[in-house]
Amino acid sequence: MRHFGHLADDVRDRLFLESPRVFTPDSDAAVLATALGATLYSPATRPTLRTDVRKQAAQGVVSMVLCLEDAIADHEVPAAEANLVARFGELFEEVSAAASSREISTDCAHDLPLLFIRVRTPAQITDLVGRLGPSVGLLTGFVLPKFTEETGGDFLEALAAAEATTGRRLFAMPVLESPELAHLETRREQLFGIARLLDKYRERVLAVRLGVTDLCSAYGLRRSPDLTAYDVALVAAVIGDVVNVLGRADGTGFTVTGPVWEYFPVQERMFKPQLRRTPFVEAEPSGVAVRQRIIEHDLDGLIREIELDRANGLLGKTCIHPSHVPAVHALSVVTHEEYSDARDILDQERGGGGVMRSAYTNKMNEAKPHRAWAERVLLRAEVFGVAREDVSFAELLSACLCR
């Protein structure tokens, strides 16, 4: 699979100076953590789960979470588990049949996203791995909810046991969303306890996710679509502390993903002026008539929040609606300017350091302080690609929305 693999080759060639590279579930953990992108959540109760996974993969989704926790009611859990196991079995049969008939290709439409299951309890991990049978080979890992120093050990031990049983690498994505993190008097102790626990299981931790909805619930808060998570002082403080402890660039940190955006487009609402009301032209099959369309999504707040995620050290995002995915991925593409700066910084650092003016002549690039940033940019460039110098975010987004 690869990002923007659902676009036609000529469209990718027009947009990218360096195209996104192919990766697989067996790729290096650092590559997979960066490649998660917009992780789309889906309730495990959906009877169309198999076709949903196929459909989203064909539209550019590369990571999905099938949820057995807050997305479904308590009484639905047994039926959701049975549905999930059955749909995994169907997907496995499809993949096996395609492989035996040599139908699998590098085309994104034939690939599955990285698939995770969000469980409620550690015992569910052991139970589901046994029930999935051979189809566990389609599973990348588990999302661990309400993760604390006290509860997290049992989840991670269950994951380790599942790995031993299956002989397969399985990743954990703990979700930090408990009241202990929201409350000031317990946050520091919790974060350092979680850091110690995750370090013990470092090879199994793919990314740390933030459960902002639950954090807000501890105070009866909910942000409006006109506000980002960073406009809510309580949430911004928690995010800052999580990145401070768990997102360090010194080798002790983890990838921390952006919080969920709760709102999705409604009919007849559009982007606001300028960037978010972006017209694009699309040639009719005749090649004569040209029609103009407008991006019909109101994602202004989401776009601002993604930009703030990046500025605050977060990468990727939890998504609950497919319309969020193109914006997250378009904003994850490395710009030509970022790429030029990153390469210059690393070249200068290898030469002993120092300060230089950027190739765009608009900033200072200081080799040693900017090295960690540059390394992260080049890893992101590997999985999301590098845009051509004259290609904007709006063009990347338009290409995804109009296909």
Protein backbone atom coordinates (compact mmCIF):
# COMPACT_ATOMS: atom_id res chain seq x y z
CA MET A 1 0.00 0.00 0.00
CA ARG A 2 0.98 3.63 -0.31
CA HIS A 3 -0.53 7.03 0.27
CA PHE A 4 -2.28 8.52 -2.75
CA GLY A 5 -2.05 5.12 -4.42
CA HIS A 6 -5.71 5.53 -5.34
CA LEU A 7 -4.86 8.40 -7.70
CA ALA A 8 -4.05 7.81 -11.36
CA ASP A 9 -0.34 7.64 -12.19
CA ASP A 10 -0.45 10.82 -14.29
CA VAL A 11 -2.14 12.73 -11.46
CA ARG A 12 0.53 11.62 -8.98
CA ASP A 13 3.27 12.54 -11.43
CA ARG A 14 1.78 16.02 -11.79
CA LEU A 15 1.49 16.59 -8.04
CA PHE A 16 4.63 15.01 -6.61
CA LEU A 17 8.31 15.76 -6.95
CA GLU A 18 8.97 12.61 -4.90
CA SER A 19 6.08 10.11 -4.92
CA PRO A 20 5.02 8.35 -1.69
CA ARG A 21 6.78 5.03 -1.29
CA VAL A 22 5.16 1.64 -0.92
CA PHE A 23 5.00 0.16 2.58
CA THR A 24 3.53 -3.03 4.03
CA PRO A 25 2.35 -4.20 7.46
CA ASP A 26 5.83 -5.70 7.83
CA SER A 27 7.63 -2.38 7.33
CA ASP A 28 9.74 -0.81 10.05
CA ALA A 29 7.68 0.44 13.00
CA ALA A 30 8.87 4.05 12.54
CA VAL A 31 7.61 3.98 8.94
CA LEU A 32 4.24 2.53 9.95
CA ALA A 33 3.78 5.02 12.80
CA THR A 34 4.37 7.89 10.38
CA ALA A 35 2.22 6.30 7.68
CA LEU A 36 -0.90 5.90 9.87
CA GLY A 37 -2.20 9.23 8.61
CA ALA A 38 -5.95 9.60 9.06
CA THR A 39 -6.93 6.56 11.13
CA LEU A 40 -10.60 5.95 10.39
CA TYR A 41 -12.74 4.45 13.15
CA SER A 42 -15.72 2.24 12.36
CA PRO A 43 -18.13 0.48 14.75
CA ALA A 44 -17.58 -3.28 14.67
CA THR A 45 -21.35 -3.77 14.52
CA ARG A 46 -21.62 -2.72 10.87
CA PRO A 47 -22.88 -5.66 8.78
CA THR A 48 -21.09 -4.15 5.76
CA LEU A 49 -17.72 -4.09 7.53
CA ARG A 50 -15.98 -6.15 4.86
CA THR A 51 -17.12 -3.94 2.00
CA ASP A 52 -16.50 -0.83 4.11
CA VAL A 53 -12.86 -1.80 4.53
CA ARG A 54 -12.49 -2.46 0.80
CA LYS A 55 -14.24 0.78 -0.13
CA GLN A 56 -12.16 2.95 2.21
CA ALA A 57 -8.92 1.35 1.02
CA ALA A 58 -9.88 2.18 -2.58
CA GLN A 59 -10.44 5.80 -1.52
CA GLY A 60 -7.05 6.27 0.10
CA VAL A 61 -7.51 5.14 3.72
CA VAL A 62 -4.43 3.25 4.94
CA SER A 63 -5.34 2.65 8.61
CA MET A 64 -8.66 1.68 10.21
CA VAL A 65 -9.82 0.87 13.72
CA LEU A 66 -12.76 -1.50 14.13
CA CYS A 67 -14.23 -0.44 17.42
CA LEU A 68 -15.69 -2.64 20.16
CA GLU A 69 -15.56 0.10 22.77
CA ASP A 70 -17.31 3.51 22.96
CA ALA A 71 -18.59 3.35 19.37
CA ILE A 72 -21.09 0.65 20.33
CA ALA A 73 -23.54 0.11 23.18
CA ASP A 74 -22.65 -2.27 26.01
CA HIS A 75 -25.28 -4.82 25.04
CA GLU A 76 -23.97 -4.94 21.45
CA VAL A 77 -20.52 -6.27 22.34
CA PRO A 78 -21.17 -10.03 21.80
CA ALA A 79 -22.82 -9.46 18.43
CA ALA A 80 -20.08 -6.99 17.42
CA GLU A 81 -17.36 -9.50 18.25
CA ALA A 82 -19.10 -12.20 16.21
CA ASN A 83 -19.58 -9.80 13.31
CA LEU A 84 -15.95 -8.74 13.41
CA VAL A 85 -14.68 -12.34 13.43
CA ALA A 86 -16.98 -13.26 10.53
CA ARG A 87 -16.00 -10.27 8.41
CA PHE A 88 -12.28 -10.88 9.04
CA GLY A 89 -12.83 -14.43 7.85
CA GLU A 90 -14.42 -13.19 4.62
CA LEU A 91 -11.59 -10.75 4.00
CA PHE A 92 -9.03 -13.47 4.61
CA GLU A 93 -10.75 -15.76 2.11
CA GLU A 94 -10.75 -12.97 -0.47
CA VAL A 95 -7.08 -12.22 0.04
CA SER A 96 -6.16 -15.91 -0.07
CA ALA A 97 -8.15 -16.46 -3.26
CA ALA A 98 -6.62 -13.40 -4.91
CA ALA A 99 -3.12 -14.50 -3.93
CA SER A 100 -3.61 -17.99 -5.29
CA SER A 101 -4.90 -16.63 -8.60
CA ARG A 102 -2.14 -13.99 -8.75
CA GLU A 103 -4.67 -11.16 -8.77
CA ILE A 104 -2.93 -9.12 -6.09
CA SER A 105 -1.10 -6.11 -7.49
CA THR A 106 0.41 -2.92 -6.16
CA ASP A 107 -2.86 -1.13 -6.91
CA CYS A 108 -4.29 0.35 -3.73
CA ALA A 109 -7.76 -0.98 -4.55
CA HIS A 110 -6.50 -4.53 -4.00
CA ASP A 111 -4.82 -3.79 -0.68
CA LEU A 112 -6.25 -3.67 2.81
CA PRO A 113 -5.55 -0.84 5.24
CA LEU A 114 -3.59 -1.45 8.42
CA LEU A 115 -6.35 -2.94 10.58
CA PHE A 116 -6.63 -2.50 14.34
CA ILE A 117 -9.27 -3.62 16.82
CA ARG A 118 -10.24 -1.36 19.70
CA VAL A 119 -11.04 -3.60 22.63
CA ARG A 120 -12.61 -2.93 26.02
CA THR A 121 -10.66 -5.35 28.20
CA PRO A 122 -7.34 -7.26 28.07
CA ALA A 123 -9.26 -10.55 27.99
CA GLN A 124 -10.80 -9.55 24.66
CA ILE A 125 -7.36 -9.54 23.04
CA THR A 126 -6.72 -13.17 23.98
CA ASP A 127 -10.26 -14.24 23.10
CA LEU A 128 -10.37 -12.51 19.72
CA VAL A 129 -6.97 -13.77 18.61
CA GLY A 130 -8.18 -17.31 19.25
CA ARG A 131 -11.47 -16.78 17.44
CA LEU A 132 -9.92 -15.05 14.42
CA GLY A 133 -7.85 -18.10 13.54
CA PRO A 134 -5.84 -17.69 10.32
CA SER A 135 -7.47 -14.31 9.62
CA VAL A 136 -5.43 -12.81 12.47
CA GLY A 137 -2.81 -12.45 9.75
CA LEU A 138 -4.78 -9.41 8.51
CA LEU A 139 -4.50 -7.70 11.91
CA THR A 140 -1.86 -5.07 12.63
CA GLY A 141 -2.70 -4.60 16.29
CA PHE A 142 -5.01 -3.39 19.02
CA VAL A 143 -6.12 0.00 20.32
CA LEU A 144 -6.07 0.07 24.13
CA PRO A 145 -8.65 2.43 25.66
CA LYS A 146 -8.57 4.36 28.95
CA PHE A 147 -4.87 3.55 29.23
CA THR A 148 -3.26 4.31 32.59
CA GLU A 149 -0.24 3.10 34.51
CA GLU A 150 -2.55 0.85 36.54
CA THR A 151 -4.57 -0.69 33.67
CA GLY A 152 -2.02 -0.61 30.86
CA GLY A 153 0.16 -3.48 32.06
CA ASP A 154 -2.62 -6.04 31.71
CA PHE A 155 -3.38 -4.88 28.16
CA LEU A 156 0.26 -5.07 27.11
CA GLU A 157 0.76 -8.48 28.73
CA ALA A 158 -2.28 -9.77 26.83
CA LEU A 159 -0.82 -8.38 23.63
CA ALA A 160 2.53 -10.06 24.30
CA ALA A 161 0.72 -13.36 24.91
CA ALA A 162 -1.21 -12.94 21.65
CA GLU A 163 2.05 -12.40 19.79
CA ALA A 164 3.51 -15.54 21.31
CA THR A 165 0.41 -17.55 20.38
CA THR A 166 0.21 -16.35 16.78
CA GLY A 167 3.90 -15.91 16.07
CA ARG A 168 2.93 -12.60 14.51
CA ARG A 169 4.00 -9.03 15.28
CA LEU A 170 1.08 -7.16 16.84
CA PHE A 171 1.22 -3.48 17.75
CA ALA A 172 -0.42 -1.57 20.57
CA MET A 173 -1.87 1.92 20.28
CA PRO A 174 -2.76 3.06 23.83
CA VAL A 175 -5.33 5.84 24.13
CA LEU A 176 -4.68 8.46 26.80
CA GLU A 177 -8.12 9.65 27.84
CA SER A 178 -8.61 8.95 31.54
CA PRO A 179 -9.66 11.54 34.17
CA GLU A 180 -6.31 10.98 35.89
CA LEU A 181 -4.68 12.74 32.94
CA ALA A 182 -7.21 15.55 32.91
CA HIS A 183 -6.82 16.24 36.64
CA LEU A 184 -3.79 18.36 37.43
CA GLU A 185 -2.93 16.65 40.72
CA THR A 186 -2.54 13.21 39.12
CA ARG A 187 -1.38 14.07 35.59
CA ARG A 188 2.35 14.26 36.28
CA GLU A 189 2.47 10.96 38.16
CA GLN A 190 0.36 9.24 35.50
CA LEU A 191 2.43 10.46 32.59
CA PHE A 192 5.74 9.37 34.06
CA GLY A 193 4.22 6.03 35.08
CA ILE A 194 2.86 5.50 31.56
CA ALA A 195 6.24 6.45 30.11
CA ARG A 196 7.96 3.79 32.21
CA LEU A 197 5.39 1.18 31.24
CA LEU A 198 5.53 1.95 27.51
CA ASP A 199 9.31 1.93 27.53
CA LYS A 200 9.20 -1.64 28.89
CA TYR A 201 7.11 -2.66 25.87
CA ARG A 202 8.65 -0.19 23.40
CA GLU A 203 8.87 -2.60 20.47
CA ARG A 204 5.13 -3.25 20.66
CA VAL A 205 3.97 0.39 20.90
CA LEU A 206 3.27 1.83 17.44
CA ALA A 207 1.78 5.18 18.50
CA VAL A 208 0.12 6.92 21.42
CA ARG A 209 -3.36 8.27 20.73
CA LEU A 210 -5.18 11.11 22.51
CA GLY A 211 -8.81 10.70 23.58
CA VAL A 212 -9.82 14.34 23.78
CA THR A 213 -13.56 13.64 23.90
CA ASP A 214 -13.15 11.64 27.11
CA LEU A 215 -10.78 14.22 28.58
CA CYS A 216 -13.40 16.92 27.96
CA SER A 217 -16.13 14.75 29.46
CA ALA A 218 -14.40 14.88 32.85
CA TYR A 219 -15.37 18.58 32.93
CA GLY A 220 -18.56 18.53 30.88
CA LEU A 221 -16.86 20.30 27.95
CA ARG A 222 -17.34 20.03 24.21
CA ARG A 223 -15.68 22.25 21.61
CA SER A 224 -17.74 23.78 18.82
CA PRO A 225 -16.82 23.35 15.13
CA ASP A 226 -15.39 26.86 15.19
CA LEU A 227 -12.82 25.94 17.85
CA THR A 228 -9.87 23.58 17.79
CA ALA A 229 -8.71 21.37 20.63
CA TYR A 230 -6.01 23.96 21.26
CA ASP A 231 -8.62 26.63 22.00
CA VAL A 232 -9.80 24.59 24.99
CA ALA A 233 -7.24 25.48 27.66
CA LEU A 234 -7.65 22.25 29.62
CA VAL A 235 -7.13 20.07 26.54
CA ALA A 236 -4.23 22.16 25.27
CA ALA A 237 -2.49 21.74 28.63
CA VAL A 238 -2.90 17.96 28.54
CA ILE A 239 -1.65 17.73 24.95
CA GLY A 240 1.37 19.83 25.82
CA ASP A 241 2.23 17.63 28.80
CA VAL A 242 1.74 14.39 26.84
CA VAL A 243 4.08 15.58 24.09
CA ASN A 244 6.53 16.85 26.72
CA VAL A 245 6.84 13.41 28.33
CA LEU A 246 6.02 10.97 25.51
CA GLY A 247 6.88 12.83 22.32
CA ARG A 248 10.55 13.64 22.84
CA ALA A 249 12.93 13.48 19.88
CA ASP A 250 15.83 12.03 21.86
CA GLY A 251 14.96 8.38 21.20
CA THR A 252 12.80 7.98 24.29
CA GLY A 253 9.61 9.29 22.71
CA PHE A 254 6.77 7.85 20.65
CA THR A 255 4.61 9.05 17.78
CA VAL A 256 1.66 10.92 19.31
CA THR A 257 -1.40 11.24 17.07
CA GLY A 258 -3.86 14.11 16.81
CA PRO A 259 -7.25 14.09 18.54
CA VAL A 260 -10.52 13.27 16.84
CA TRP A 261 -12.46 15.96 14.98
CA GLU A 262 -16.09 15.38 15.96
CA TYR A 263 -17.84 17.26 13.17
CA PHE A 264 -18.43 16.24 9.60
CA PRO A 265 -19.90 17.95 6.51
CA VAL A 266 -23.60 18.45 5.98
CA GLN A 267 -25.23 18.98 2.62
CA GLU A 268 -25.05 22.45 1.09
CA ARG A 269 -22.22 23.62 3.35
CA MET A 270 -18.95 24.51 1.68
CA PHE A 271 -15.45 25.67 2.41
CA LYS A 272 -15.20 29.26 3.50
CA PRO A 273 -13.51 31.86 1.27
CA GLN A 274 -10.00 31.70 -0.18
CA LEU A 275 -8.23 28.37 0.44
CA ARG A 276 -11.25 26.52 1.73
CA ARG A 277 -13.51 27.54 -1.13
CA THR A 278 -11.35 26.22 -3.86
CA PRO A 279 -12.75 25.84 -7.36
CA PHE A 280 -11.18 23.34 -9.67
CA VAL A 281 -11.85 22.38 -13.25
CA GLU A 282 -12.45 18.93 -14.57
CA ALA A 283 -12.56 18.09 -18.25
CA GLU A 284 -15.58 16.23 -19.52
CA PRO A 285 -14.94 12.97 -21.44
CA SER A 286 -15.46 14.87 -24.70
CA GLY A 287 -12.47 17.02 -23.87
CA VAL A 288 -14.42 20.08 -25.05
CA ALA A 289 -16.72 21.13 -22.27
CA VAL A 290 -15.19 22.10 -18.97
CA ARG A 291 -17.21 22.19 -15.80
CA GLN A 292 -16.33 23.91 -12.58
CA ARG A 293 -17.04 22.37 -9.23
CA ILE A 294 -16.66 23.59 -5.68
CA ILE A 295 -15.33 21.42 -2.86
CA GLU A 296 -18.49 20.78 -0.88
CA HIS A 297 -17.13 20.27 2.58
CA ASP A 298 -17.02 22.54 5.61
CA LEU A 299 -13.67 21.44 7.02
CA ASP A 300 -12.30 24.83 7.99
CA GLY A 301 -11.93 23.95 11.67
CA LEU A 302 -10.41 20.56 10.90
CA ILE A 303 -7.77 22.12 8.66
CA ARG A 304 -6.76 24.60 11.35
CA GLU A 305 -6.59 21.83 13.95
CA ILE A 306 -4.38 19.65 11.72
CA GLU A 307 -2.00 22.56 11.29
CA LEU A 308 -1.91 23.06 15.06
CA ASP A 309 -1.39 19.32 15.60
CA ARG A 310 1.77 19.51 13.48
CA ALA A 311 3.01 22.65 15.24
CA ASN A 312 2.58 20.92 18.60
CA GLY A 313 4.42 17.72 17.66
CA LEU A 314 1.47 15.47 16.74
CA LEU A 315 1.34 13.36 13.59
CA GLY A 316 -1.71 11.72 12.02
CA LYS A 317 -5.24 11.99 13.35
CA THR A 318 -8.15 9.97 14.66
CA CYS A 319 -11.06 10.30 12.20
CA ILE A 320 -14.71 9.33 12.50
CA HIS A 321 -15.82 10.32 9.00
CA PRO A 322 -14.30 9.50 5.59
CA SER A 323 -14.52 13.16 4.51
CA HIS A 324 -11.77 14.00 7.02
CA VAL A 325 -9.22 11.69 5.42
CA PRO A 326 -8.27 13.75 2.32
CA ALA A 327 -7.56 16.87 4.41
CA VAL A 328 -5.36 14.97 6.86
CA HIS A 329 -3.40 13.32 4.07
CA ALA A 330 -3.08 16.42 1.90
CA LEU A 331 -1.66 18.36 4.86
CA SER A 332 0.74 15.49 5.60
CA VAL A 333 2.48 15.80 2.23
CA VAL A 334 5.88 17.46 2.62
CA THR A 335 6.05 20.79 0.83
CA HIS A 336 8.89 21.56 -1.54
CA GLU A 337 10.11 24.22 0.90
CA GLU A 338 10.13 21.81 3.87
CA TYR A 339 11.99 19.23 1.81
CA SER A 340 14.62 21.72 0.66
CA ASP A 341 15.18 22.93 4.22
CA ALA A 342 15.39 19.41 5.65
CA ARG A 343 17.94 18.23 3.12
CA ASP A 344 20.06 21.35 3.50
CA ILE A 345 20.01 21.03 7.30
CA LEU A 346 21.15 17.40 7.27
CA ASP A 347 23.82 18.09 4.66
CA GLN A 348 25.12 20.98 6.78
CA GLU A 349 24.97 18.91 9.97
CA ARG A 350 27.04 16.16 8.38
CA GLY A 351 29.58 18.82 7.48
CA GLY A 352 29.97 19.85 11.11
CA GLY A 353 26.99 22.14 11.70
CA GLY A 354 26.53 25.85 11.39
CA VAL A 355 23.86 28.28 10.23
CA MET A 356 22.71 28.99 6.69
CA ARG A 357 20.04 30.93 4.89
CA SER A 358 17.31 28.72 3.48
CA ALA A 359 17.08 28.06 -0.24
CA TYR A 360 13.82 30.03 -0.15
CA THR A 361 15.78 32.93 1.45
CA ASN A 362 13.06 33.44 4.06
CA LYS A 363 14.45 31.81 7.20
CA MET A 364 17.50 30.65 9.10
CA ASN A 365 18.36 26.95 9.08
CA GLU A 366 20.57 25.99 11.99
CA ALA A 367 21.96 22.49 11.47
CA LYS A 368 22.24 21.03 14.95
CA PRO A 369 19.05 22.42 16.60
CA HIS A 370 16.96 21.66 13.50
CA ARG A 371 18.35 18.16 12.89
CA ALA A 372 15.54 16.22 14.64
CA TRP A 373 12.93 18.25 12.76
CA ALA A 374 14.67 17.57 9.45
CA GLU A 375 14.86 13.83 10.10
CA ARG A 376 11.14 13.72 10.85
CA VAL A 377 10.36 15.68 7.69
CA LEU A 378 12.33 13.23 5.52
CA LEU A 379 10.58 10.25 7.11
CA ARG A 380 7.23 11.91 6.39
CA ALA A 381 8.42 12.59 2.85
CA GLU A 382 9.10 8.89 2.42
CA VAL A 383 5.52 7.86 3.17
CA PHE A 384 3.50 10.92 2.08
CA GLY A 385 5.70 12.20 -0.72
CA VAL A 386 7.01 15.65 -1.61
CA ALA A 387 4.84 18.10 -3.51
CA ARG A 388 6.18 19.87 -6.56
CA GLU A 389 7.23 23.45 -5.99
CA ASP A 390 4.11 24.92 -7.58
CA VAL A 391 1.61 22.47 -6.04
CA SER A 392 -0.49 23.72 -3.11
CA PHE A 393 -2.45 21.97 -0.38
CA ALA A 394 -5.65 22.95 -2.17
CA GLU A 395 -4.54 21.13 -5.32
CA LEU A 396 -3.65 18.00 -3.37
CA LEU A 397 -7.01 18.09 -1.63
CA SER A 398 -8.89 18.73 -4.85
CA ALA A 399 -7.23 15.76 -6.54
CA CYS A 400 -8.44 13.49 -3.75
CA LEU A 401 -11.98 14.86 -3.69
CA CYS A 402 -12.67 14.89 -7.42
CA ARG A 403 -11.53 11.39 -8.38
